[in-house]
Amino acid sequence: MSVSTRIIRGALLAAAAVLAAAAYQLREKHQEAELTVQNIHDQLDALDPATRAAVVGRLTSDEVIKVHEHHQ
């Protein structure tokens, strides 16, 4: 095996390792986001209906304002 073949093989193995690490981190972040969303849903479900509606309305209103500010 020539030196250039070894270098290419080493570079490909290093790139594969980097991609595997990135995929692992992405999976971890995705799982963390899913747990956070579930936690928020659980907290909302624990509220009485009027309070829940007020919270969802406020969150929705805040997001609409952010979208309008972003597009200006």
PDB file of N, CA and C in Angstrom:
ATOM      1  N   MET A   1       0.855  -1.163   0.000  1.00  0.00           N
ATOM      2  CA  MET A   1       0.000   0.000   0.000  1.00  0.00           C
ATOM      3  C   MET A   1       0.907   1.234   0.000  1.00  0.00           C
ATOM      4  N   SER A   2       0.660   2.168  -0.906  1.00  0.00           N
ATOM      5  CA  SER A   2       1.510   3.340  -1.014  1.00  0.00           C
ATOM      6  C   SER A   2       1.181   4.344   0.083  1.00  0.00           C
ATOM      7  N   VAL A   3       2.067   5.305   0.254  1.00  0.00           N
ATOM      8  CA  VAL A   3       1.903   6.326   1.288  1.00  0.00           C
ATOM      9  C   VAL A   3       0.646   7.154   1.017  1.00  0.00           C
ATOM     10  N   SER A   4       0.408   7.505  -0.250  1.00  0.00           N
ATOM     11  CA  SER A   4      -0.766   8.326  -0.571  1.00  0.00           C
ATOM     12  C   SER A   4      -2.068   7.563  -0.291  1.00  0.00           C
ATOM     13  N   THR A   5      -2.068   6.265  -0.541  1.00  0.00           N
ATOM     14  CA  THR A   5      -3.256   5.458  -0.243  1.00  0.00           C
ATOM     15  C   THR A   5      -3.509   5.429   1.262  1.00  0.00           C
ATOM     16  N   ARG A   6      -2.447   5.303   2.036  1.00  0.00           N
ATOM     17  CA  ARG A   6      -2.591   5.316   3.494  1.00  0.00           C
ATOM     18  C   ARG A   6      -3.111   6.653   3.989  1.00  0.00           C
ATOM     19  N   ILE A   7      -2.621   7.728   3.408  1.00  0.00           N
ATOM     20  CA  ILE A   7      -3.071   9.070   3.802  1.00  0.00           C
ATOM     21  C   ILE A   7      -4.553   9.242   3.480  1.00  0.00           C
ATOM     22  N   ILE A   8      -4.946   8.813   2.296  1.00  0.00           N
ATOM     23  CA  ILE A   8      -6.355   8.920   1.901  1.00  0.00           C
ATOM     24  C   ILE A   8      -7.224   8.062   2.814  1.00  0.00           C
ATOM     25  N   ARG A   9      -6.773   6.849   3.079  1.00  0.00           N
ATOM     26  CA  ARG A   9      -7.538   5.956   3.957  1.00  0.00           C
ATOM     27  C   ARG A   9      -7.652   6.561   5.359  1.00  0.00           C
ATOM     28  N   GLY A  10      -6.560   7.114   5.860  1.00  0.00           N
ATOM     29  CA  GLY A  10      -6.582   7.756   7.183  1.00  0.00           C
ATOM     30  C   GLY A  10      -7.521   8.946   7.219  1.00  0.00           C
ATOM     31  N   ALA A  11      -7.497   9.759   6.147  1.00  0.00           N
ATOM     32  CA  ALA A  11      -8.382  10.922   6.074  1.00  0.00           C
ATOM     33  C   ALA A  11      -9.844  10.489   6.031  1.00  0.00           C
ATOM     34  N   LEU A  12     -10.124   9.442   5.275  1.00  0.00           N
ATOM     35  CA  LEU A  12     -11.500   8.938   5.198  1.00  0.00           C
ATOM     36  C   LEU A  12     -11.962   8.380   6.543  1.00  0.00           C
ATOM     37  N   LEU A  13     -11.095   7.678   7.239  1.00  0.00           N
ATOM     38  CA  LEU A  13     -11.450   7.160   8.565  1.00  0.00           C
ATOM     39  C   LEU A  13     -11.683   8.301   9.551  1.00  0.00           C
ATOM     40  N   ALA A  14     -10.848   9.333   9.479  1.00  0.00           N
ATOM     41  CA  ALA A  14     -11.032  10.493  10.360  1.00  0.00           C
ATOM     42  C   ALA A  14     -12.349  11.191  10.050  1.00  0.00           C
ATOM     43  N   ALA A  15     -12.664  11.339   8.771  1.00  0.00           N
ATOM     44  CA  ALA A  15     -13.928  11.976   8.379  1.00  0.00           C
ATOM     45  C   ALA A  15     -15.109  11.143   8.850  1.00  0.00           C
ATOM     46  N   ALA A  16     -15.018   9.836   8.747  1.00  0.00           N
ATOM     47  CA  ALA A  16     -16.092   8.961   9.212  1.00  0.00           C
ATOM     48  C   ALA A  16     -16.277   9.094  10.720  1.00  0.00           C
ATOM     49  N   ALA A  17     -15.179   9.200  11.455  1.00  0.00           N
ATOM     50  CA  ALA A  17     -15.264   9.363  12.904  1.00  0.00           C
ATOM     51  C   ALA A  17     -15.933  10.686  13.268  1.00  0.00           C
ATOM     52  N   VAL A  18     -15.579  11.740  12.545  1.00  0.00           N
ATOM     53  CA  VAL A  18     -16.193  13.049  12.791  1.00  0.00           C
ATOM     54  C   VAL A  18     -17.688  12.993  12.493  1.00  0.00           C
ATOM     55  N   LEU A  19     -18.066  12.361  11.390  1.00  0.00           N
ATOM     56  CA  LEU A  19     -19.489  12.239  11.046  1.00  0.00           C
ATOM     57  C   LEU A  19     -20.245  11.405  12.078  1.00  0.00           C
ATOM     58  N   ALA A  20     -19.633  10.349  12.563  1.00  0.00           N
ATOM     59  CA  ALA A  20     -20.279   9.514  13.579  1.00  0.00           C
ATOM     60  C   ALA A  20     -20.482  10.311  14.870  1.00  0.00           C
ATOM     61  N   ALA A  21     -19.488  11.091  15.254  1.00  0.00           N
ATOM     62  CA  ALA A  21     -19.611  11.918  16.458  1.00  0.00           C
ATOM     63  C   ALA A  21     -20.694  12.973  16.279  1.00  0.00           C
ATOM     64  N   ALA A  22     -20.765  13.579  15.111  1.00  0.00           N
ATOM     65  CA  ALA A  22     -21.788  14.587  14.837  1.00  0.00           C
ATOM     66  C   ALA A  22     -23.182  13.956  14.861  1.00  0.00           C
ATOM     67  N   ALA A  23     -23.322  12.781  14.304  1.00  0.00           N
ATOM     68  CA  ALA A  23     -24.610  12.089  14.309  1.00  0.00           C
ATOM     69  C   ALA A  23     -25.031  11.756  15.733  1.00  0.00           C
ATOM     70  N   TYR A  24     -24.097  11.336  16.556  1.00  0.00           N
ATOM     71  CA  TYR A  24     -24.390  11.035  17.955  1.00  0.00           C
ATOM     72  C   TYR A  24     -24.866  12.286  18.681  1.00  0.00           C
ATOM     73  N   GLN A  25     -24.150  13.406  18.485  1.00  0.00           N
ATOM     74  CA  GLN A  25     -24.542  14.656  19.134  1.00  0.00           C
ATOM     75  C   GLN A  25     -25.921  15.107  18.658  1.00  0.00           C
ATOM     76  N   LEU A  26     -26.195  14.940  17.383  1.00  0.00           N
ATOM     77  CA  LEU A  26     -27.496  15.323  16.845  1.00  0.00           C
ATOM     78  C   LEU A  26     -28.605  14.484  17.470  1.00  0.00           C
ATOM     79  N   ARG A  27     -28.376  13.191  17.609  1.00  0.00           N
ATOM     80  CA  ARG A  27     -29.362  12.319  18.271  1.00  0.00           C
ATOM     81  C   ARG A  27     -29.589  12.746  19.709  1.00  0.00           C
ATOM     82  N   GLU A  28     -28.508  13.073  20.422  1.00  0.00           N
ATOM     83  CA  GLU A  28     -28.619  13.515  21.811  1.00  0.00           C
ATOM     84  C   GLU A  28     -29.441  14.799  21.912  1.00  0.00           C
ATOM     85  N   LYS A  29     -29.177  15.755  21.025  1.00  0.00           N
ATOM     86  CA  LYS A  29     -29.924  17.020  21.030  1.00  0.00           C
ATOM     87  C   LYS A  29     -31.388  16.778  20.706  1.00  0.00           C
ATOM     88  N   HIS A  30     -31.657  15.880  19.772  1.00  0.00           N
ATOM     89  CA  HIS A  30     -33.031  15.575  19.393  1.00  0.00           C
ATOM     90  C   HIS A  30     -33.783  14.951  20.578  1.00  0.00           C
ATOM     91  N   GLN A  31     -33.135  14.034  21.263  1.00  0.00           N
ATOM     92  CA  GLN A  31     -33.765  13.406  22.428  1.00  0.00           C
ATOM     93  C   GLN A  31     -34.005  14.424  23.529  1.00  0.00           C
ATOM     94  N   GLU A  32     -33.049  15.321  23.732  1.00  0.00           N
ATOM     95  CA  GLU A  32     -33.203  16.372  24.739  1.00  0.00           C
ATOM     96  C   GLU A  32     -34.379  17.284  24.383  1.00  0.00           C
ATOM     97  N   ALA A  33     -34.503  17.621  23.107  1.00  0.00           N
ATOM     98  CA  ALA A  33     -35.618  18.466  22.668  1.00  0.00           C
ATOM     99  C   ALA A  33     -36.949  17.753  22.871  1.00  0.00           C
ATOM    100  N   GLU A  34     -37.011  16.470  22.554  1.00  0.00           N
ATOM    101  CA  GLU A  34     -38.251  15.708  22.752  1.00  0.00           C
ATOM    102  C   GLU A  34     -38.654  15.669  24.222  1.00  0.00           C
ATOM    103  N   LEU A  35     -37.680  15.478  25.109  1.00  0.00           N
ATOM    104  CA  LEU A  35     -37.972  15.466  26.542  1.00  0.00           C
ATOM    105  C   LEU A  35     -38.458  16.830  27.019  1.00  0.00           C
ATOM    106  N   THR A  36     -37.851  17.889  26.502  1.00  0.00           N
ATOM    107  CA  THR A  36     -38.267  19.240  26.874  1.00  0.00           C
ATOM    108  C   THR A  36     -39.685  19.513  26.414  1.00  0.00           C
ATOM    109  N   VAL A  37     -40.005  19.131  25.191  1.00  0.00           N
ATOM    110  CA  VAL A  37     -41.363  19.313  24.671  1.00  0.00           C
ATOM    111  C   VAL A  37     -42.363  18.529  25.507  1.00  0.00           C
ATOM    112  N   GLN A  38     -42.026  17.291  25.849  1.00  0.00           N
ATOM    113  CA  GLN A  38     -42.924  16.483  26.668  1.00  0.00           C
ATOM    114  C   GLN A  38     -43.131  17.115  28.040  1.00  0.00           C
ATOM    115  N   ASN A  39     -42.060  17.658  28.608  1.00  0.00           N
ATOM    116  CA  ASN A  39     -42.145  18.321  29.906  1.00  0.00           C
ATOM    117  C   ASN A  39     -43.078  19.538  29.825  1.00  0.00           C
ATOM    118  N   ILE A  40     -42.957  20.316  28.773  1.00  0.00           N
ATOM    119  CA  ILE A  40     -43.832  21.478  28.585  1.00  0.00           C
ATOM    120  C   ILE A  40     -45.284  21.038  28.437  1.00  0.00           C
ATOM    121  N   HIS A  41     -45.516  20.010  27.643  1.00  0.00           N
ATOM    122  CA  HIS A  41     -46.879  19.493  27.475  1.00  0.00           C
ATOM    123  C   HIS A  41     -47.446  18.999  28.811  1.00  0.00           C
ATOM    124  N   ASP A  42     -46.631  18.309  29.587  1.00  0.00           N
ATOM    125  CA  ASP A  42     -47.089  17.817  30.887  1.00  0.00           C
ATOM    126  C   ASP A  42     -47.464  18.973  31.812  1.00  0.00           C
ATOM    127  N   GLN A  43     -46.630  20.021  31.791  1.00  0.00           N
ATOM    128  CA  GLN A  43     -46.925  21.181  32.634  1.00  0.00           C
ATOM    129  C   GLN A  43     -48.200  21.887  32.182  1.00  0.00           C
ATOM    130  N   LEU A  44     -48.378  22.013  30.871  1.00  0.00           N
ATOM    131  CA  LEU A  44     -49.605  22.627  30.359  1.00  0.00           C
ATOM    132  C   LEU A  44     -50.830  21.778  30.711  1.00  0.00           C
ATOM    133  N   ASP A  45     -50.698  20.476  30.590  1.00  0.00           N
ATOM    134  CA  ASP A  45     -51.814  19.576  30.907  1.00  0.00           C
ATOM    135  C   ASP A  45     -52.211  19.657  32.381  1.00  0.00           C
ATOM    136  N   ALA A  46     -51.255  20.013  33.241  1.00  0.00           N
ATOM    137  CA  ALA A  46     -51.535  20.098  34.671  1.00  0.00           C
ATOM    138  C   ALA A  46     -52.317  21.366  35.039  1.00  0.00           C
ATOM    139  N   LEU A  47     -52.371  22.338  34.127  1.00  0.00           N
ATOM    140  CA  LEU A  47     -53.081  23.590  34.408  1.00  0.00           C
ATOM    141  C   LEU A  47     -54.581  23.426  34.209  1.00  0.00           C
ATOM    142  N   ASP A  48     -55.333  24.274  34.888  1.00  0.00           N
ATOM    143  CA  ASP A  48     -56.765  24.273  34.632  1.00  0.00           C
ATOM    144  C   ASP A  48     -57.001  24.848  33.231  1.00  0.00           C
ATOM    145  N   PRO A  49     -58.133  24.537  32.613  1.00  0.00           N
ATOM    146  CA  PRO A  49     -58.361  24.930  31.214  1.00  0.00           C
ATOM    147  C   PRO A  49     -58.224  26.436  30.937  1.00  0.00           C
ATOM    148  N   ALA A  50     -58.710  27.276  31.835  1.00  0.00           N
ATOM    149  CA  ALA A  50     -58.632  28.725  31.604  1.00  0.00           C
ATOM    150  C   ALA A  50     -57.188  29.206  31.642  1.00  0.00           C
ATOM    151  N   THR A  51     -56.435  28.730  32.612  1.00  0.00           N
ATOM    152  CA  THR A  51     -55.029  29.126  32.716  1.00  0.00           C
ATOM    153  C   THR A  51     -54.246  28.597  31.525  1.00  0.00           C
ATOM    154  N   ARG A  52     -54.509  27.353  31.139  1.00  0.00           N
ATOM    155  CA  ARG A  52     -53.841  26.763  29.978  1.00  0.00           C
ATOM    156  C   ARG A  52     -54.108  27.604  28.732  1.00  0.00           C
ATOM    157  N   ALA A  53     -55.361  27.998  28.519  1.00  0.00           N
ATOM    158  CA  ALA A  53     -55.705  28.808  27.357  1.00  0.00           C
ATOM    159  C   ALA A  53     -54.980  30.149  27.398  1.00  0.00           C
ATOM    160  N   ALA A  54     -54.876  30.740  28.578  1.00  0.00           N
ATOM    161  CA  ALA A  54     -54.178  32.017  28.714  1.00  0.00           C
ATOM    162  C   ALA A  54     -52.689  31.870  28.387  1.00  0.00           C
ATOM    163  N   VAL A  55     -52.085  30.801  28.877  1.00  0.00           N
ATOM    164  CA  VAL A  55     -50.653  30.565  28.620  1.00  0.00           C
ATOM    165  C   VAL A  55     -50.417  30.339  27.127  1.00  0.00           C
ATOM    166  N   VAL A  56     -51.218  29.486  26.511  1.00  0.00           N
ATOM    167  CA  VAL A  56     -51.055  29.212  25.078  1.00  0.00           C
ATOM    168  C   VAL A  56     -51.301  30.477  24.268  1.00  0.00           C
ATOM    169  N   GLY A  57     -52.296  31.250  24.648  1.00  0.00           N
ATOM    170  CA  GLY A  57     -52.566  32.512  23.954  1.00  0.00           C
ATOM    171  C   GLY A  57     -51.401  33.473  24.058  1.00  0.00           C
ATOM    172  N   ARG A  58     -50.827  33.567  25.236  1.00  0.00           N
ATOM    173  CA  ARG A  58     -49.681  34.468  25.437  1.00  0.00           C
ATOM    174  C   ARG A  58     -48.477  34.004  24.624  1.00  0.00           C
ATOM    175  N   LEU A  59     -48.201  32.718  24.661  1.00  0.00           N
ATOM    176  CA  LEU A  59     -47.076  32.187  23.883  1.00  0.00           C
ATOM    177  C   LEU A  59     -47.282  32.431  22.387  1.00  0.00           C
ATOM    178  N   THR A  60     -48.491  32.209  21.922  1.00  0.00           N
ATOM    179  CA  THR A  60     -48.798  32.412  20.509  1.00  0.00           C
ATOM    180  C   THR A  60     -48.621  33.872  20.141  1.00  0.00           C
ATOM    181  N   SER A  61     -49.148  34.755  20.975  1.00  0.00           N
ATOM    182  CA  SER A  61     -49.029  36.193  20.729  1.00  0.00           C
ATOM    183  C   SER A  61     -47.563  36.627  20.686  1.00  0.00           C
ATOM    184  N   ASP A  62     -46.772  36.128  21.629  1.00  0.00           N
ATOM    185  CA  ASP A  62     -45.343  36.469  21.661  1.00  0.00           C
ATOM    186  C   ASP A  62     -44.641  36.019  20.385  1.00  0.00           C
ATOM    187  N   GLU A  63     -44.983  34.840  19.887  1.00  0.00           N
ATOM    188  CA  GLU A  63     -44.355  34.333  18.665  1.00  0.00           C
ATOM    189  C   GLU A  63     -44.787  35.134  17.443  1.00  0.00           C
ATOM    190  N   VAL A  64     -46.040  35.553  17.395  1.00  0.00           N
ATOM    191  CA  VAL A  64     -46.511  36.377  16.280  1.00  0.00           C
ATOM    192  C   VAL A  64     -45.731  37.686  16.257  1.00  0.00           C
ATOM    193  N   ILE A  65     -45.522  38.289  17.422  1.00  0.00           N
ATOM    194  CA  ILE A  65     -44.753  39.541  17.503  1.00  0.00           C
ATOM    195  C   ILE A  65     -43.335  39.308  17.008  1.00  0.00           C
ATOM    196  N   LYS A  66     -42.712  38.204  17.397  1.00  0.00           N
ATOM    197  CA  LYS A  66     -41.342  37.911  16.951  1.00  0.00           C
ATOM    198  C   LYS A  66     -41.288  37.760  15.431  1.00  0.00           C
ATOM    199  N   VAL A  67     -42.274  37.099  14.852  1.00  0.00           N
ATOM    200  CA  VAL A  67     -42.297  36.918  13.394  1.00  0.00           C
ATOM    201  C   VAL A  67     -42.430  38.263  12.701  1.00  0.00           C
ATOM    202  N   HIS A  68     -43.320  39.112  13.209  1.00  0.00           N
ATOM    203  CA  HIS A  68     -43.509  40.431  12.594  1.00  0.00           C
ATOM    204  C   HIS A  68     -42.242  41.278  12.728  1.00  0.00           C
ATOM    205  N   GLU A  69     -41.568  41.218  13.863  1.00  0.00           N
ATOM    206  CA  GLU A  69     -40.340  41.978  14.059  1.00  0.00           C
ATOM    207  C   GLU A  69     -39.244  41.464  13.126  1.00  0.00           C
ATOM    208  N   HIS A  70     -39.214  40.162  12.919  1.00  0.00           N
ATOM    209  CA  HIS A  70     -38.189  39.553  12.075  1.00  0.00           C
ATOM    210  C   HIS A  70     -38.354  39.966  10.610  1.00  0.00           C
ATOM    211  N   HIS A  71     -39.582  40.167  10.173  1.00  0.00           N
ATOM    212  CA  HIS A  71     -39.847  40.492   8.775  1.00  0.00           C
ATOM    213  C   HIS A  71     -39.787  41.979   8.487  1.00  0.00           C
ATOM    214  N   GLN A  72     -39.520  42.787   9.473  1.00  0.00           N
ATOM    215  CA  GLN A  72     -39.457  44.241   9.227  1.00  0.00           C
ATOM    216  C   GLN A  72     -38.073  44.658   8.849  1.00  0.00           C
TER     217      GLN A  72
END
